Amino acid sequence: MSERGVSAHEVEQVVADGQPSNVKTPRLGREMLFAEGYSWKGKRYPHKLVRAVYIEEGNDIVIVTVLSYYGEWEVWE
């Protein structure tokens, strides 16, 4: 996650409050747009989109991968 600029707290937020995201079955996915301004590889971006891909094993959630995208998106209120 850290190699993609994503914190554990952000992943927890995405899984708890993010919008469902299409991923390959049997995995689940959620994504969330963070709009606080970010720096990635020396460049500034207004937004970061974080997508978590995970599976549920009983009461546990196992994160398979986390993807991050930096850029600017239209934010709907």
C-alpha atoms as a PDB file:
ATOM      1  CA  MET A   1       0.000   0.000   0.000  1.00  0.00           C
ATOM      2  CA  SER A   2       2.716   2.447   0.906  1.00  0.00           C
ATOM      3  CA  GLU A   3       4.321   1.958  -2.522  1.00  0.00           C
ATOM      4  CA  ARG A   4       1.068   3.266  -3.994  1.00  0.00           C
ATOM      5  CA  GLY A   5       0.722   6.148  -1.559  1.00  0.00           C
ATOM      6  CA  VAL A   6      -2.183   4.649   0.383  1.00  0.00           C
ATOM      7  CA  SER A   7      -2.427   4.404   4.161  1.00  0.00           C
ATOM      8  CA  ALA A   8      -4.071   1.614   6.158  1.00  0.00           C
ATOM      9  CA  HIS A   9      -6.574   4.174   7.461  1.00  0.00           C
ATOM     10  CA  GLU A  10      -7.594   5.087   3.904  1.00  0.00           C
ATOM     11  CA  VAL A  11      -8.115   1.413   3.028  1.00  0.00           C
ATOM     12  CA  GLU A  12     -10.299   0.973   6.122  1.00  0.00           C
ATOM     13  CA  GLN A  13     -12.357   4.000   5.028  1.00  0.00           C
ATOM     14  CA  VAL A  14     -12.752   2.645   1.497  1.00  0.00           C
ATOM     15  CA  VAL A  15     -13.942  -0.784   2.661  1.00  0.00           C
ATOM     16  CA  ALA A  16     -16.321   0.725   5.238  1.00  0.00           C
ATOM     17  CA  ASP A  17     -17.737   3.690   3.295  1.00  0.00           C
ATOM     18  CA  GLY A  18     -16.675   3.426  -0.363  1.00  0.00           C
ATOM     19  CA  GLN A  19     -18.853   2.862  -3.391  1.00  0.00           C
ATOM     20  CA  PRO A  20     -19.056  -0.663  -4.845  1.00  0.00           C
ATOM     21  CA  SER A  21     -16.588  -1.213  -7.679  1.00  0.00           C
ATOM     22  CA  ASN A  22     -16.720  -3.858 -10.410  1.00  0.00           C
ATOM     23  CA  VAL A  23     -14.074  -6.521  -9.931  1.00  0.00           C
ATOM     24  CA  LYS A  24     -13.740 -10.149 -10.990  1.00  0.00           C
ATOM     25  CA  THR A  25     -15.811 -12.650  -9.014  1.00  0.00           C
ATOM     26  CA  PRO A  26     -15.493 -13.930  -6.273  1.00  0.00           C
ATOM     27  CA  ARG A  27     -13.662 -10.831  -5.139  1.00  0.00           C
ATOM     28  CA  LEU A  28     -15.363  -7.686  -3.908  1.00  0.00           C
ATOM     29  CA  GLY A  29     -14.310  -4.130  -4.583  1.00  0.00           C
ATOM     30  CA  ARG A  30     -14.974  -0.680  -3.223  1.00  0.00           C
ATOM     31  CA  GLU A  31     -13.553   2.689  -4.193  1.00  0.00           C
ATOM     32  CA  MET A  32     -13.484   6.189  -2.769  1.00  0.00           C
ATOM     33  CA  LEU A  33     -12.310   9.543  -4.032  1.00  0.00           C
ATOM     34  CA  PHE A  34     -10.160  11.557  -1.636  1.00  0.00           C
ATOM     35  CA  ALA A  35     -10.105  15.268  -2.423  1.00  0.00           C
ATOM     36  CA  GLU A  36      -7.495  16.749  -0.116  1.00  0.00           C
ATOM     37  CA  GLY A  37      -4.603  17.354  -2.512  1.00  0.00           C
ATOM     38  CA  TYR A  38      -1.782  14.862  -2.941  1.00  0.00           C
ATOM     39  CA  SER A  39       1.776  14.653  -4.145  1.00  0.00           C
ATOM     40  CA  TRP A  40       2.929  11.643  -6.137  1.00  0.00           C
ATOM     41  CA  LYS A  41       6.385  11.262  -7.656  1.00  0.00           C
ATOM     42  CA  GLY A  42       7.082  14.975  -7.357  1.00  0.00           C
ATOM     43  CA  LYS A  43       3.827  16.110  -8.937  1.00  0.00           C
ATOM     44  CA  ARG A  44       0.768  17.635  -7.217  1.00  0.00           C
ATOM     45  CA  TYR A  45      -2.753  16.278  -7.771  1.00  0.00           C
ATOM     46  CA  PRO A  46      -6.064  17.507  -6.352  1.00  0.00           C
ATOM     47  CA  HIS A  47      -7.560  14.020  -5.978  1.00  0.00           C
ATOM     48  CA  LYS A  48      -6.669  10.429  -5.234  1.00  0.00           C
ATOM     49  CA  LEU A  49      -8.988   7.540  -6.132  1.00  0.00           C
ATOM     50  CA  VAL A  50      -8.393   4.466  -3.984  1.00  0.00           C
ATOM     51  CA  ARG A  51      -9.814   1.060  -4.947  1.00  0.00           C
ATOM     52  CA  ALA A  52      -9.632  -1.870  -2.528  1.00  0.00           C
ATOM     53  CA  VAL A  53     -10.120  -5.419  -3.812  1.00  0.00           C
ATOM     54  CA  TYR A  54     -10.896  -7.925  -1.080  1.00  0.00           C
ATOM     55  CA  ILE A  55     -12.573 -11.180  -0.098  1.00  0.00           C
ATOM     56  CA  GLU A  56     -14.634 -12.038   2.943  1.00  0.00           C
ATOM     57  CA  GLU A  57     -13.630 -15.124   4.903  1.00  0.00           C
ATOM     58  CA  GLY A  58     -16.182 -15.629   7.656  1.00  0.00           C
ATOM     59  CA  ASN A  59     -16.107 -12.461   9.734  1.00  0.00           C
ATOM     60  CA  ASP A  60     -12.735 -11.380   8.329  1.00  0.00           C
ATOM     61  CA  ILE A  61     -11.989  -9.122   5.382  1.00  0.00           C
ATOM     62  CA  VAL A  62      -8.801 -10.006   3.507  1.00  0.00           C
ATOM     63  CA  ILE A  63      -7.394  -7.275   1.285  1.00  0.00           C
ATOM     64  CA  VAL A  64      -6.149  -8.742  -2.005  1.00  0.00           C
ATOM     65  CA  THR A  65      -4.783  -5.534  -3.499  1.00  0.00           C
ATOM     66  CA  VAL A  66      -5.103  -1.790  -3.308  1.00  0.00           C
ATOM     67  CA  LEU A  67      -4.944   0.458  -6.361  1.00  0.00           C
ATOM     68  CA  SER A  68      -4.489   4.216  -6.388  1.00  0.00           C
ATOM     69  CA  TYR A  69      -5.031   6.713  -9.161  1.00  0.00           C
ATOM     70  CA  TYR A  70      -3.938  10.326  -8.979  1.00  0.00           C
ATOM     71  CA  GLY A  71      -5.571  13.081 -11.000  1.00  0.00           C
ATOM     72  CA  GLU A  72      -8.570  15.369 -11.093  1.00  0.00           C
ATOM     73  CA  TRP A  73     -12.151  14.172 -11.222  1.00  0.00           C
ATOM     74  CA  GLU A  74     -15.463  15.965 -11.073  1.00  0.00           C
ATOM     75  CA  VAL A  75     -16.672  15.749  -7.484  1.00  0.00           C
ATOM     76  CA  TRP A  76     -20.417  15.389  -6.951  1.00  0.00           C
ATOM     77  CA  GLU A  77     -21.821  16.755  -3.725  1.00  0.00           C
END
